[in-house]
Amino acid sequence: MIPLVPKTVVPKTAVSKTGFSNKVFSKTIVGEDAMVQLGEALGHSLLSCNSLGEVTTEKSIEVIPREAKSALVFFEGDLGAGKTTLCRGILQAFGHHGAVKSPTYTLVESYVLESDTGEVKAAQAHHFDLYRLGDPEELEFIGIRDYLEPGNFCLVEWPNRGDGILPAPDLRVAISVTATVAAEEHRLDEGEIKTVGRNVRIVAETERGEFFLSHLIEDQQIEGQGN
């Protein structure tokens, strides 16, 4: 019997150190395209909820008040785990169509979000990679507080480098590499073939994050029913 890669979302709850009951999403991903697709789904979820947590009927950033266009998301995982790939999917959902590189040396890369007509939107997305950050205090020199103002989506890789300066995120994404087992359709009698998958675990750490994650879980359940 050949184990299959799980496609379903498993909503759970976990209790943080503060006693806050966190909503949890977990899914195993195989392939870069699938990781980008999950990032796009997460990006749409970030755009779908206003500051009160109400879900808009239209997945469009223009229909949300400026002060509600905000999210802080942490991405954790080893080198090569797929953090930047997931961020690329999020930025594509935001309307960015160009390349997305991890800003390892510049620390942050900013993206002005535009509509399909080219009109500049109020919100901006900022992609951070803190791997080479020497000291958390360096974040003050690059104006981290301005980036965290309402109207900004901040995606932070290696957030542990900014401990003590960065506030708690709305969502914490942990990616770990895992071995999955599959078999080629026409070679079942020749044994199993190992492939590399990635387990993506997303935890909501604020009430706002719970709204984002609830929308993502609902979206993934609908997608799973359609397959």
N, C-alpha and C. Protein backbone atom coordinates (compact mmCIF):
# COMPACT_ATOMS: atom_id res chain seq x y z
N MET A 1 0.85 -1.19 0.00
CA MET A 1 0.00 0.00 0.00
C MET A 1 0.88 1.24 0.00
N ILE A 2 0.58 2.17 -0.89
CA ILE A 2 1.43 3.35 -1.06
C ILE A 2 0.81 4.53 -0.34
N PRO A 3 1.51 5.11 0.66
CA PRO A 3 0.97 6.28 1.36
C PRO A 3 0.82 7.46 0.42
N LEU A 4 -0.27 8.17 0.51
CA LEU A 4 -0.49 9.33 -0.33
C LEU A 4 -0.18 10.60 0.44
N VAL A 5 0.21 11.64 -0.28
CA VAL A 5 0.46 12.93 0.35
C VAL A 5 -0.88 13.52 0.76
N PRO A 6 -1.06 13.89 2.02
CA PRO A 6 -2.35 14.43 2.45
C PRO A 6 -2.65 15.76 1.78
N LYS A 7 -3.88 15.92 1.30
CA LYS A 7 -4.29 17.15 0.63
C LYS A 7 -5.23 17.98 1.48
N THR A 8 -5.75 17.38 2.52
CA THR A 8 -6.76 18.09 3.31
C THR A 8 -6.13 18.97 4.36
N VAL A 9 -6.85 20.01 4.72
CA VAL A 9 -6.41 20.93 5.76
C VAL A 9 -6.88 20.39 7.10
N VAL A 10 -6.04 20.51 8.10
CA VAL A 10 -6.40 20.02 9.43
C VAL A 10 -6.46 21.19 10.38
N PRO A 11 -7.64 21.79 10.59
CA PRO A 11 -7.74 22.89 11.55
C PRO A 11 -7.64 22.37 12.97
N LYS A 12 -6.81 23.00 13.76
CA LYS A 12 -6.62 22.61 15.16
C LYS A 12 -6.59 23.87 16.01
N THR A 13 -6.43 23.68 17.29
CA THR A 13 -6.22 24.83 18.17
C THR A 13 -5.05 24.52 19.07
N ALA A 14 -4.31 25.56 19.42
CA ALA A 14 -3.19 25.42 20.34
C ALA A 14 -3.27 26.58 21.32
N VAL A 15 -2.72 26.41 22.48
CA VAL A 15 -2.77 27.46 23.49
C VAL A 15 -1.40 28.08 23.64
N SER A 16 -1.33 29.39 23.48
CA SER A 16 -0.07 30.11 23.58
C SER A 16 0.31 30.31 25.04
N LYS A 17 1.48 30.89 25.25
CA LYS A 17 1.96 31.14 26.61
C LYS A 17 1.06 32.13 27.35
N THR A 18 0.38 32.98 26.56
CA THR A 18 -0.50 33.99 27.17
C THR A 18 -1.90 33.44 27.43
N GLY A 19 -2.13 32.19 27.01
CA GLY A 19 -3.44 31.61 27.21
C GLY A 19 -4.37 31.82 26.03
N PHE A 20 -3.93 32.53 25.00
CA PHE A 20 -4.74 32.78 23.82
C PHE A 20 -4.90 31.49 23.03
N SER A 21 -6.11 31.18 22.64
CA SER A 21 -6.38 29.95 21.89
C SER A 21 -6.12 30.21 20.42
N ASN A 22 -5.10 29.58 19.88
CA ASN A 22 -4.67 29.85 18.51
C ASN A 22 -5.26 28.85 17.54
N LYS A 23 -5.77 29.38 16.42
CA LYS A 23 -6.22 28.52 15.34
C LYS A 23 -5.01 28.08 14.54
N VAL A 24 -5.01 26.81 14.10
CA VAL A 24 -3.85 26.25 13.41
C VAL A 24 -4.28 25.61 12.09
N PHE A 25 -3.48 25.85 11.06
CA PHE A 25 -3.67 25.24 9.74
C PHE A 25 -2.43 24.42 9.43
N SER A 26 -2.60 23.22 8.91
CA SER A 26 -1.44 22.38 8.57
C SER A 26 -1.70 21.67 7.26
N LYS A 27 -0.68 21.66 6.40
CA LYS A 27 -0.84 21.00 5.11
C LYS A 27 0.53 20.58 4.59
N THR A 28 0.58 19.41 3.95
CA THR A 28 1.82 18.94 3.32
C THR A 28 1.80 19.32 1.85
N ILE A 29 2.87 19.96 1.39
CA ILE A 29 2.97 20.47 0.03
C ILE A 29 4.09 19.74 -0.70
N VAL A 30 3.84 19.35 -1.93
CA VAL A 30 4.87 18.73 -2.76
C VAL A 30 4.99 19.55 -4.05
N GLY A 31 6.15 20.11 -4.30
CA GLY A 31 6.39 20.85 -5.53
C GLY A 31 6.31 22.36 -5.34
N GLU A 32 7.12 23.07 -6.11
CA GLU A 32 7.18 24.53 -6.00
C GLU A 32 5.86 25.17 -6.41
N ASP A 33 5.24 24.65 -7.47
CA ASP A 33 3.98 25.23 -7.94
C ASP A 33 2.91 25.16 -6.85
N ALA A 34 2.85 24.03 -6.15
CA ALA A 34 1.87 23.88 -5.08
C ALA A 34 2.13 24.86 -3.94
N MET A 35 3.42 25.13 -3.68
CA MET A 35 3.77 26.08 -2.63
C MET A 35 3.33 27.49 -3.04
N VAL A 36 3.55 27.85 -4.29
CA VAL A 36 3.11 29.16 -4.79
C VAL A 36 1.59 29.27 -4.69
N GLN A 37 0.88 28.20 -5.05
CA GLN A 37 -0.58 28.22 -4.99
C GLN A 37 -1.08 28.42 -3.56
N LEU A 38 -0.42 27.78 -2.60
CA LEU A 38 -0.81 27.98 -1.21
C LEU A 38 -0.54 29.43 -0.80
N GLY A 39 0.59 29.98 -1.27
CA GLY A 39 0.90 31.37 -0.98
C GLY A 39 -0.16 32.31 -1.55
N GLU A 40 -0.63 32.02 -2.75
CA GLU A 40 -1.68 32.83 -3.34
C GLU A 40 -2.96 32.77 -2.52
N ALA A 41 -3.30 31.57 -2.06
CA ALA A 41 -4.50 31.41 -1.23
C ALA A 41 -4.35 32.20 0.07
N LEU A 42 -3.16 32.15 0.66
CA LEU A 42 -2.91 32.91 1.89
C LEU A 42 -2.98 34.40 1.61
N GLY A 43 -2.44 34.83 0.47
CA GLY A 43 -2.49 36.24 0.10
C GLY A 43 -3.91 36.74 -0.06
N HIS A 44 -4.76 35.94 -0.71
CA HIS A 44 -6.17 36.32 -0.85
C HIS A 44 -6.85 36.42 0.51
N SER A 45 -6.45 35.54 1.43
CA SER A 45 -7.03 35.59 2.77
C SER A 45 -6.63 36.87 3.50
N LEU A 46 -5.39 37.30 3.31
CA LEU A 46 -4.94 38.53 3.94
C LEU A 46 -5.69 39.74 3.40
N LEU A 47 -6.14 39.67 2.15
CA LEU A 47 -6.86 40.78 1.54
C LEU A 47 -8.36 40.73 1.80
N SER A 48 -8.84 39.63 2.35
CA SER A 48 -10.28 39.41 2.39
C SER A 48 -10.95 39.88 3.66
N CYS A 49 -10.16 40.25 4.67
CA CYS A 49 -10.75 40.59 5.97
C CYS A 49 -10.42 42.03 6.34
N ASN A 50 -11.43 42.74 6.87
CA ASN A 50 -11.16 44.10 7.29
C ASN A 50 -10.74 44.13 8.76
N SER A 51 -10.56 45.31 9.31
CA SER A 51 -10.01 45.42 10.66
C SER A 51 -10.91 44.83 11.73
N LEU A 52 -12.19 44.66 11.42
CA LEU A 52 -13.11 44.06 12.37
C LEU A 52 -13.23 42.56 12.17
N GLY A 53 -12.50 42.05 11.19
CA GLY A 53 -12.53 40.63 10.94
C GLY A 53 -13.66 40.20 10.03
N GLU A 54 -14.43 41.15 9.49
CA GLU A 54 -15.51 40.80 8.59
C GLU A 54 -14.95 40.48 7.21
N VAL A 55 -15.42 39.40 6.64
CA VAL A 55 -14.92 38.97 5.34
C VAL A 55 -15.65 39.73 4.25
N THR A 56 -14.91 40.34 3.34
CA THR A 56 -15.52 41.04 2.22
C THR A 56 -15.99 40.03 1.19
N THR A 57 -16.93 40.44 0.38
CA THR A 57 -17.46 39.54 -0.64
C THR A 57 -16.57 39.54 -1.87
N GLU A 58 -15.64 40.44 -1.94
CA GLU A 58 -14.79 40.58 -3.12
C GLU A 58 -13.33 40.53 -2.68
N LYS A 59 -12.55 39.64 -3.29
CA LYS A 59 -11.14 39.52 -2.92
C LYS A 59 -10.35 40.63 -3.60
N SER A 60 -10.57 41.84 -3.16
CA SER A 60 -9.92 42.98 -3.79
C SER A 60 -9.47 43.94 -2.72
N ILE A 61 -8.26 44.42 -2.85
CA ILE A 61 -7.72 45.32 -1.83
C ILE A 61 -8.39 46.69 -1.86
N GLU A 62 -8.99 47.08 -3.02
CA GLU A 62 -9.60 48.40 -3.11
C GLU A 62 -10.82 48.55 -2.22
N VAL A 63 -11.51 47.46 -1.91
CA VAL A 63 -12.76 47.56 -1.16
C VAL A 63 -12.53 47.60 0.34
N ILE A 64 -11.29 47.53 0.79
CA ILE A 64 -11.00 47.50 2.22
C ILE A 64 -10.45 48.86 2.65
N PRO A 65 -10.91 49.42 3.77
CA PRO A 65 -10.37 50.70 4.24
C PRO A 65 -8.86 50.64 4.41
N ARG A 66 -8.20 51.77 4.20
CA ARG A 66 -6.74 51.80 4.25
C ARG A 66 -6.20 51.28 5.58
N GLU A 67 -6.84 51.70 6.69
CA GLU A 67 -6.31 51.30 7.98
C GLU A 67 -6.43 49.80 8.22
N ALA A 68 -7.27 49.13 7.42
CA ALA A 68 -7.45 47.69 7.59
C ALA A 68 -6.50 46.89 6.73
N LYS A 69 -5.82 47.55 5.80
CA LYS A 69 -4.92 46.85 4.88
C LYS A 69 -3.58 46.61 5.57
N SER A 70 -3.56 45.71 6.49
CA SER A 70 -2.36 45.48 7.28
C SER A 70 -2.29 44.03 7.73
N ALA A 71 -1.07 43.53 7.78
CA ALA A 71 -0.85 42.20 8.34
C ALA A 71 0.64 42.04 8.58
N LEU A 72 0.99 41.35 9.64
CA LEU A 72 2.38 41.00 9.94
C LEU A 72 2.45 39.48 9.98
N VAL A 73 3.25 38.91 9.08
CA VAL A 73 3.34 37.45 8.96
C VAL A 73 4.80 37.04 9.08
N PHE A 74 5.08 36.10 9.99
CA PHE A 74 6.44 35.57 10.17
C PHE A 74 6.57 34.24 9.42
N PHE A 75 7.74 34.03 8.81
CA PHE A 75 8.02 32.79 8.09
C PHE A 75 9.27 32.15 8.69
N GLU A 76 9.12 30.95 9.22
CA GLU A 76 10.22 30.25 9.87
C GLU A 76 10.52 28.94 9.15
N GLY A 77 11.79 28.57 9.11
CA GLY A 77 12.19 27.34 8.45
C GLY A 77 13.64 27.42 8.06
N ASP A 78 14.26 26.27 7.82
CA ASP A 78 15.67 26.23 7.46
C ASP A 78 15.90 26.82 6.08
N LEU A 79 17.16 27.03 5.73
CA LEU A 79 17.51 27.49 4.39
C LEU A 79 16.96 26.51 3.36
N GLY A 80 16.31 27.03 2.34
CA GLY A 80 15.78 26.19 1.28
C GLY A 80 14.45 25.53 1.60
N ALA A 81 13.84 25.91 2.72
CA ALA A 81 12.57 25.28 3.11
C ALA A 81 11.42 25.71 2.22
N GLY A 82 11.52 26.90 1.62
CA GLY A 82 10.45 27.37 0.75
C GLY A 82 9.77 28.64 1.24
N LYS A 83 10.41 29.37 2.13
CA LYS A 83 9.82 30.60 2.68
C LYS A 83 9.60 31.64 1.58
N THR A 84 10.62 31.86 0.76
CA THR A 84 10.51 32.86 -0.30
C THR A 84 9.51 32.44 -1.35
N THR A 85 9.43 31.15 -1.64
CA THR A 85 8.46 30.66 -2.62
C THR A 85 7.04 30.95 -2.15
N LEU A 86 6.79 30.74 -0.87
CA LEU A 86 5.48 31.03 -0.31
C LEU A 86 5.19 32.53 -0.38
N CYS A 87 6.19 33.34 -0.08
CA CYS A 87 6.03 34.79 -0.16
C CYS A 87 5.73 35.23 -1.60
N ARG A 88 6.36 34.55 -2.56
CA ARG A 88 6.11 34.89 -3.97
C ARG A 88 4.63 34.70 -4.31
N GLY A 89 4.04 33.60 -3.81
CA GLY A 89 2.63 33.37 -4.05
C GLY A 89 1.76 34.44 -3.43
N ILE A 90 2.11 34.87 -2.22
CA ILE A 90 1.35 35.93 -1.56
C ILE A 90 1.41 37.22 -2.38
N LEU A 91 2.61 37.58 -2.84
CA LEU A 91 2.77 38.82 -3.62
C LEU A 91 2.04 38.73 -4.96
N GLN A 92 1.98 37.55 -5.54
CA GLN A 92 1.22 37.38 -6.77
C GLN A 92 -0.27 37.61 -6.52
N ALA A 93 -0.75 37.14 -5.37
CA ALA A 93 -2.15 37.38 -5.02
C ALA A 93 -2.41 38.87 -4.82
N PHE A 94 -1.38 39.60 -4.40
CA PHE A 94 -1.50 41.04 -4.21
C PHE A 94 -1.47 41.80 -5.54
N GLY A 95 -1.12 41.10 -6.63
CA GLY A 95 -1.08 41.74 -7.93
C GLY A 95 0.30 41.95 -8.50
N HIS A 96 1.34 41.48 -7.81
CA HIS A 96 2.70 41.62 -8.32
C HIS A 96 2.99 40.51 -9.33
N HIS A 97 3.53 40.88 -10.49
CA HIS A 97 3.76 39.90 -11.55
C HIS A 97 5.24 39.68 -11.87
N GLY A 98 6.11 40.42 -11.23
CA GLY A 98 7.54 40.28 -11.52
C GLY A 98 8.21 39.23 -10.64
N ALA A 99 9.53 39.22 -10.70
CA ALA A 99 10.32 38.27 -9.90
C ALA A 99 10.27 38.66 -8.43
N VAL A 100 10.44 37.66 -7.58
CA VAL A 100 10.49 37.89 -6.14
C VAL A 100 11.75 37.21 -5.62
N LYS A 101 12.70 38.01 -5.19
CA LYS A 101 13.94 37.48 -4.64
C LYS A 101 13.98 37.75 -3.14
N SER A 102 14.61 36.85 -2.41
CA SER A 102 14.76 37.07 -0.99
C SER A 102 15.75 38.19 -0.75
N PRO A 103 15.35 39.25 -0.04
CA PRO A 103 16.25 40.41 0.17
C PRO A 103 17.29 40.15 1.25
N THR A 104 18.13 39.15 1.01
CA THR A 104 19.10 38.73 2.03
C THR A 104 20.07 39.85 2.38
N TYR A 105 20.50 40.63 1.39
CA TYR A 105 21.52 41.66 1.64
C TYR A 105 20.91 43.03 1.90
N THR A 106 19.74 43.30 1.33
CA THR A 106 19.10 44.60 1.51
C THR A 106 18.15 44.62 2.71
N LEU A 107 17.88 43.47 3.28
CA LEU A 107 16.99 43.28 4.42
C LEU A 107 15.51 43.41 4.07
N VAL A 108 15.17 44.34 3.17
CA VAL A 108 13.75 44.52 2.85
C VAL A 108 13.59 44.92 1.38
N GLU A 109 12.58 44.38 0.76
CA GLU A 109 12.19 44.75 -0.61
C GLU A 109 10.72 45.16 -0.54
N SER A 110 10.41 46.35 -1.07
CA SER A 110 9.05 46.87 -0.99
C SER A 110 8.35 46.80 -2.33
N TYR A 111 7.06 46.57 -2.28
CA TYR A 111 6.24 46.45 -3.49
C TYR A 111 5.02 47.35 -3.34
N VAL A 112 4.85 48.27 -4.29
CA VAL A 112 3.66 49.11 -4.32
C VAL A 112 2.59 48.34 -5.07
N LEU A 113 1.45 48.12 -4.44
CA LEU A 113 0.40 47.32 -5.04
C LEU A 113 -0.42 48.16 -6.01
N GLU A 114 -0.62 47.66 -7.20
CA GLU A 114 -1.36 48.37 -8.23
C GLU A 114 -2.57 47.57 -8.67
N SER A 115 -3.56 48.27 -9.15
CA SER A 115 -4.75 47.62 -9.68
C SER A 115 -4.45 47.15 -11.10
N ASP A 116 -5.40 46.47 -11.72
CA ASP A 116 -5.22 45.98 -13.08
C ASP A 116 -5.07 47.11 -14.08
N THR A 117 -5.56 48.29 -13.74
CA THR A 117 -5.46 49.44 -14.63
C THR A 117 -4.16 50.21 -14.43
N GLY A 118 -3.35 49.77 -13.46
CA GLY A 118 -2.09 50.45 -13.19
C GLY A 118 -2.19 51.51 -12.13
N GLU A 119 -3.40 51.72 -11.61
CA GLU A 119 -3.59 52.71 -10.57
C GLU A 119 -2.94 52.24 -9.27
N VAL A 120 -2.20 53.13 -8.63
CA VAL A 120 -1.51 52.76 -7.40
C VAL A 120 -2.52 52.60 -6.26
N LYS A 121 -2.41 51.51 -5.54
CA LYS A 121 -3.28 51.27 -4.40
C LYS A 121 -2.66 51.88 -3.14
N ALA A 122 -3.47 52.02 -2.11
CA ALA A 122 -2.99 52.64 -0.88
C ALA A 122 -2.00 51.76 -0.14
N ALA A 123 -2.18 50.45 -0.22
CA ALA A 123 -1.37 49.55 0.58
C ALA A 123 -0.05 49.22 -0.10
N GLN A 124 0.90 48.82 0.70
CA GLN A 124 2.19 48.35 0.21
C GLN A 124 2.53 47.03 0.88
N ALA A 125 3.35 46.24 0.22
CA ALA A 125 3.84 44.99 0.81
C ALA A 125 5.35 45.12 0.99
N HIS A 126 5.85 44.67 2.13
CA HIS A 126 7.27 44.74 2.43
C HIS A 126 7.76 43.33 2.79
N HIS A 127 8.73 42.86 2.04
CA HIS A 127 9.27 41.50 2.20
C HIS A 127 10.63 41.61 2.88
N PHE A 128 10.72 41.10 4.09
CA PHE A 128 11.95 41.18 4.87
C PHE A 128 12.65 39.82 4.90
N ASP A 129 13.98 39.85 4.86
CA ASP A 129 14.80 38.67 5.12
C ASP A 129 15.86 39.10 6.12
N LEU A 130 15.72 38.65 7.36
CA LEU A 130 16.60 39.11 8.44
C LEU A 130 17.74 38.15 8.73
N TYR A 131 18.02 37.23 7.80
CA TYR A 131 19.03 36.20 8.03
C TYR A 131 20.39 36.82 8.37
N ARG A 132 20.74 37.90 7.69
CA ARG A 132 22.04 38.53 7.90
C ARG A 132 21.99 39.72 8.85
N LEU A 133 20.90 39.87 9.57
CA LEU A 133 20.80 40.96 10.53
C LEU A 133 21.77 40.72 11.69
N GLY A 134 22.64 41.67 11.93
CA GLY A 134 23.65 41.49 12.97
C GLY A 134 23.11 41.66 14.37
N ASP A 135 22.17 42.62 14.53
CA ASP A 135 21.62 42.93 15.85
C ASP A 135 20.19 43.41 15.65
N PRO A 136 19.26 42.98 16.49
CA PRO A 136 17.87 43.43 16.33
C PRO A 136 17.72 44.95 16.29
N GLU A 137 18.62 45.66 16.99
CA GLU A 137 18.55 47.12 17.03
C GLU A 137 18.71 47.74 15.65
N GLU A 138 19.32 46.99 14.72
CA GLU A 138 19.50 47.52 13.36
C GLU A 138 18.16 47.79 12.69
N LEU A 139 17.09 47.11 13.14
CA LEU A 139 15.77 47.32 12.56
C LEU A 139 15.29 48.75 12.82
N GLU A 140 15.71 49.33 13.94
CA GLU A 140 15.33 50.70 14.23
C GLU A 140 15.95 51.66 13.21
N PHE A 141 17.16 51.35 12.76
CA PHE A 141 17.85 52.23 11.81
C PHE A 141 17.21 52.19 10.42
N ILE A 142 16.55 51.10 10.08
CA ILE A 142 15.89 51.04 8.77
C ILE A 142 14.43 51.50 8.85
N GLY A 143 14.02 51.96 10.03
CA GLY A 143 12.68 52.51 10.19
C GLY A 143 11.59 51.46 10.26
N ILE A 144 11.83 50.41 11.04
CA ILE A 144 10.89 49.30 11.10
C ILE A 144 9.50 49.75 11.54
N ARG A 145 9.43 50.75 12.41
CA ARG A 145 8.13 51.20 12.92
C ARG A 145 7.27 51.79 11.80
N ASP A 146 7.92 52.43 10.83
CA ASP A 146 7.19 52.99 9.69
C ASP A 146 6.63 51.87 8.82
N TYR A 147 7.40 50.81 8.65
CA TYR A 147 6.93 49.68 7.85
C TYR A 147 5.71 49.01 8.49
N LEU A 148 5.65 49.05 9.81
CA LEU A 148 4.58 48.37 10.53
C LEU A 148 3.33 49.21 10.69
N GLU A 149 3.32 50.40 10.10
CA GLU A 149 2.15 51.27 10.19
C GLU A 149 0.98 50.67 9.40
N PRO A 150 -0.28 51.05 9.75
CA PRO A 150 -1.43 50.60 8.98
C PRO A 150 -1.26 50.95 7.50
N GLY A 151 -1.71 50.07 6.65
CA GLY A 151 -1.53 50.28 5.21
C GLY A 151 -0.41 49.43 4.65
N ASN A 152 0.24 48.62 5.50
CA ASN A 152 1.37 47.82 5.06
C ASN A 152 1.17 46.34 5.39
N PHE A 153 1.53 45.50 4.44
CA PHE A 153 1.61 44.06 4.68
C PHE A 153 3.09 43.73 4.83
N CYS A 154 3.49 43.18 5.96
CA CYS A 154 4.89 42.86 6.21
C CYS A 154 5.08 41.35 6.29
N LEU A 155 5.91 40.82 5.39
CA LEU A 155 6.24 39.40 5.34
C LEU A 155 7.68 39.26 5.80
N VAL A 156 7.91 38.57 6.90
CA VAL A 156 9.24 38.56 7.53
C VAL A 156 9.81 37.15 7.60
N GLU A 157 10.90 36.93 6.84
CA GLU A 157 11.64 35.67 6.96
C GLU A 157 12.70 35.81 8.05
N TRP A 158 13.00 34.73 8.76
CA TRP A 158 13.95 34.72 9.87
C TRP A 158 13.59 35.75 10.93
N PRO A 159 12.34 35.77 11.40
CA PRO A 159 11.92 36.78 12.38
C PRO A 159 12.64 36.68 13.71
N ASN A 160 13.18 35.50 14.05
CA ASN A 160 13.88 35.35 15.33
C ASN A 160 15.08 36.28 15.43
N ARG A 161 15.62 36.74 14.29
CA ARG A 161 16.75 37.68 14.30
C ARG A 161 16.31 39.05 14.82
N GLY A 162 15.00 39.29 14.81
CA GLY A 162 14.49 40.59 15.26
C GLY A 162 13.80 40.53 16.60
N ASP A 163 14.08 39.49 17.38
CA ASP A 163 13.47 39.34 18.71
C ASP A 163 13.73 40.58 19.58
N GLY A 164 12.69 41.04 20.23
CA GLY A 164 12.82 42.20 21.10
C GLY A 164 12.43 43.50 20.42
N ILE A 165 12.41 43.49 19.10
CA ILE A 165 12.05 44.68 18.34
C ILE A 165 10.73 44.45 17.59
N LEU A 166 10.61 43.32 16.97
CA LEU A 166 9.39 43.02 16.23
C LEU A 166 8.25 42.69 17.18
N PRO A 167 7.06 43.18 16.89
CA PRO A 167 5.90 42.81 17.72
C PRO A 167 5.41 41.41 17.37
N ALA A 168 4.43 40.94 18.09
CA ALA A 168 3.86 39.62 17.80
C ALA A 168 3.19 39.66 16.42
N PRO A 169 3.34 38.60 15.63
CA PRO A 169 2.74 38.59 14.29
C PRO A 169 1.26 38.22 14.35
N ASP A 170 0.55 38.53 13.29
CA ASP A 170 -0.82 38.04 13.15
C ASP A 170 -0.80 36.55 12.86
N LEU A 171 0.14 36.14 11.99
CA LEU A 171 0.28 34.73 11.62
C LEU A 171 1.75 34.33 11.70
N ARG A 172 2.00 33.10 12.17
CA ARG A 172 3.35 32.55 12.19
C ARG A 172 3.34 31.30 11.32
N VAL A 173 4.16 31.32 10.26
CA VAL A 173 4.22 30.21 9.31
C VAL A 173 5.52 29.44 9.53
N ALA A 174 5.42 28.16 9.82
CA ALA A 174 6.60 27.31 10.01
C ALA A 174 6.62 26.26 8.90
N ILE A 175 7.75 26.18 8.19
CA ILE A 175 7.89 25.24 7.08
C ILE A 175 9.00 24.25 7.40
N SER A 176 8.70 22.98 7.31
CA SER A 176 9.70 21.95 7.55
C SER A 176 9.71 20.97 6.39
N VAL A 177 10.90 20.50 6.04
CA VAL A 177 11.04 19.54 4.95
C VAL A 177 10.72 18.16 5.48
N THR A 178 9.93 17.42 4.74
CA THR A 178 9.53 16.08 5.15
C THR A 178 9.59 15.14 3.97
N ALA A 179 9.89 13.88 4.21
CA ALA A 179 9.94 12.88 3.13
C ALA A 179 8.55 12.30 2.94
N THR A 180 8.08 12.33 1.72
CA THR A 180 6.82 11.68 1.39
C THR A 180 7.13 10.52 0.47
N VAL A 181 6.19 9.63 0.32
CA VAL A 181 6.42 8.47 -0.52
C VAL A 181 5.36 8.42 -1.60
N ALA A 182 5.81 8.24 -2.83
CA ALA A 182 4.90 8.14 -3.97
C ALA A 182 5.44 7.09 -4.92
N ALA A 183 4.71 6.80 -5.96
CA ALA A 183 5.16 5.84 -6.96
C ALA A 183 4.71 6.30 -8.33
N GLU A 184 5.53 6.09 -9.33
CA GLU A 184 5.14 6.42 -10.68
C GLU A 184 4.04 5.47 -11.13
N GLU A 185 3.09 6.00 -11.86
CA GLU A 185 1.90 5.25 -12.22
C GLU A 185 2.21 3.94 -12.94
N HIS A 186 3.25 3.94 -13.78
CA HIS A 186 3.54 2.75 -14.58
C HIS A 186 4.68 1.92 -14.02
N ARG A 187 5.09 2.22 -12.77
CA ARG A 187 6.22 1.48 -12.20
C ARG A 187 5.90 1.01 -10.79
N LEU A 188 4.67 0.69 -10.52
CA LEU A 188 4.28 0.28 -9.18
C LEU A 188 4.98 -0.99 -8.74
N ASP A 189 5.35 -1.85 -9.70
CA ASP A 189 5.97 -3.12 -9.34
C ASP A 189 7.46 -2.99 -9.12
N GLU A 190 8.01 -1.79 -9.30
CA GLU A 190 9.45 -1.59 -9.15
C GLU A 190 9.80 -0.90 -7.84
N GLY A 191 8.82 -0.75 -6.99
CA GLY A 191 9.13 -0.18 -5.68
C GLY A 191 8.69 1.25 -5.52
N GLU A 192 8.80 1.73 -4.33
CA GLU A 192 8.36 3.07 -3.99
C GLU A 192 9.43 4.09 -4.30
N ILE A 193 9.01 5.29 -4.57
CA ILE A 193 9.92 6.37 -4.93
C ILE A 193 9.75 7.50 -3.91
N LYS A 194 10.82 7.87 -3.29
CA LYS A 194 10.75 8.94 -2.29
C LYS A 194 10.79 10.30 -2.98
N THR A 195 9.95 11.21 -2.50
CA THR A 195 9.96 12.59 -2.96
C THR A 195 10.07 13.49 -1.74
N VAL A 196 10.42 14.74 -1.99
CA VAL A 196 10.57 15.69 -0.89
C VAL A 196 9.33 16.56 -0.81
N GLY A 197 8.71 16.57 0.34
CA GLY A 197 7.57 17.44 0.57
C GLY A 197 7.89 18.44 1.66
N ARG A 198 6.97 19.35 1.88
CA ARG A 198 7.15 20.36 2.91
C ARG A 198 5.87 20.48 3.73
N ASN A 199 6.03 20.43 5.02
CA ASN A 199 4.89 20.61 5.89
C ASN A 199 4.80 22.08 6.25
N VAL A 200 3.67 22.67 5.94
CA VAL A 200 3.43 24.08 6.24
C VAL A 200 2.43 24.17 7.39
N ARG A 201 2.85 24.79 8.46
CA ARG A 201 1.99 24.93 9.64
C ARG A 201 1.84 26.43 9.93
N ILE A 202 0.60 26.90 9.95
CA ILE A 202 0.32 28.32 10.15
C ILE A 202 -0.49 28.48 11.43
N VAL A 203 0.01 29.32 12.31
CA VAL A 203 -0.66 29.55 13.60
C VAL A 203 -1.07 31.01 13.70
N ALA A 204 -2.32 31.24 14.09
CA ALA A 204 -2.80 32.59 14.33
C ALA A 204 -2.40 33.02 15.74
N GLU A 205 -1.77 34.19 15.86
CA GLU A 205 -1.32 34.66 17.16
C GLU A 205 -2.04 35.92 17.63
N THR A 206 -2.96 36.41 16.80
CA THR A 206 -3.80 37.53 17.20
C THR A 206 -5.23 37.21 16.76
N GLU A 207 -6.18 37.97 17.30
CA GLU A 207 -7.57 37.78 16.87
C GLU A 207 -7.70 38.07 15.39
N ARG A 208 -7.00 39.07 14.94
CA ARG A 208 -7.01 39.41 13.52
C ARG A 208 -6.46 38.25 12.69
N GLY A 209 -5.39 37.64 13.18
CA GLY A 209 -4.82 36.50 12.49
C GLY A 209 -5.80 35.34 12.39
N GLU A 210 -6.65 35.17 13.40
CA GLU A 210 -7.64 34.11 13.37
C GLU A 210 -8.63 34.30 12.24
N PHE A 211 -9.00 35.56 11.97
CA PHE A 211 -9.89 35.83 10.86
C PHE A 211 -9.23 35.47 9.54
N PHE A 212 -7.95 35.85 9.39
CA PHE A 212 -7.22 35.50 8.18
C PHE A 212 -7.20 33.98 7.99
N LEU A 213 -6.86 33.28 9.07
CA LEU A 213 -6.68 31.84 8.98
C LEU A 213 -8.01 31.12 8.76
N SER A 214 -9.08 31.62 9.35
CA SER A 214 -10.39 31.03 9.13
C SER A 214 -10.78 31.08 7.66
N HIS A 215 -10.46 32.21 7.03
CA HIS A 215 -10.76 32.36 5.61
C HIS A 215 -9.92 31.40 4.77
N LEU A 216 -8.65 31.24 5.14
CA LEU A 216 -7.77 30.32 4.41
C LEU A 216 -8.27 28.89 4.55
N ILE A 217 -8.63 28.48 5.77
CA ILE A 217 -9.10 27.12 6.00
C ILE A 217 -10.37 26.85 5.19
N GLU A 218 -11.28 27.81 5.18
CA GLU A 218 -12.51 27.64 4.40
C GLU A 218 -12.20 27.52 2.91
N ASP A 219 -11.29 28.35 2.44
CA ASP A 219 -10.90 28.32 1.03
C ASP A 219 -10.28 26.98 0.65
N GLN A 220 -9.42 26.44 1.51
CA GLN A 220 -8.76 25.19 1.22
C GLN A 220 -9.73 23.99 1.30
N GLN A 221 -10.70 24.08 2.18
CA GLN A 221 -11.69 23.01 2.27
C GLN A 221 -12.56 22.96 1.02
N ILE A 222 -12.94 24.15 0.52
CA ILE A 222 -13.72 24.21 -0.72
C ILE A 222 -12.91 23.66 -1.89
N GLU A 223 -11.62 24.05 -1.94
CA GLU A 223 -10.74 23.56 -3.01
C GLU A 223 -10.63 22.05 -2.95
N GLY A 224 -10.49 21.49 -1.72
CA GLY A 224 -10.35 20.05 -1.57
C GLY A 224 -11.60 19.31 -2.02
N GLN A 225 -12.77 19.90 -1.80
CA GLN A 225 -14.01 19.27 -2.22
C GLN A 225 -14.16 19.26 -3.73
N GLY A 226 -13.49 20.24 -4.37
CA GLY A 226 -13.58 20.33 -5.83
C GLY A 226 -12.65 19.40 -6.55
N ASN A 227 -11.67 18.81 -5.84
CA ASN A 227 -10.70 17.90 -6.47
C ASN A 227 -11.24 16.49 -6.53
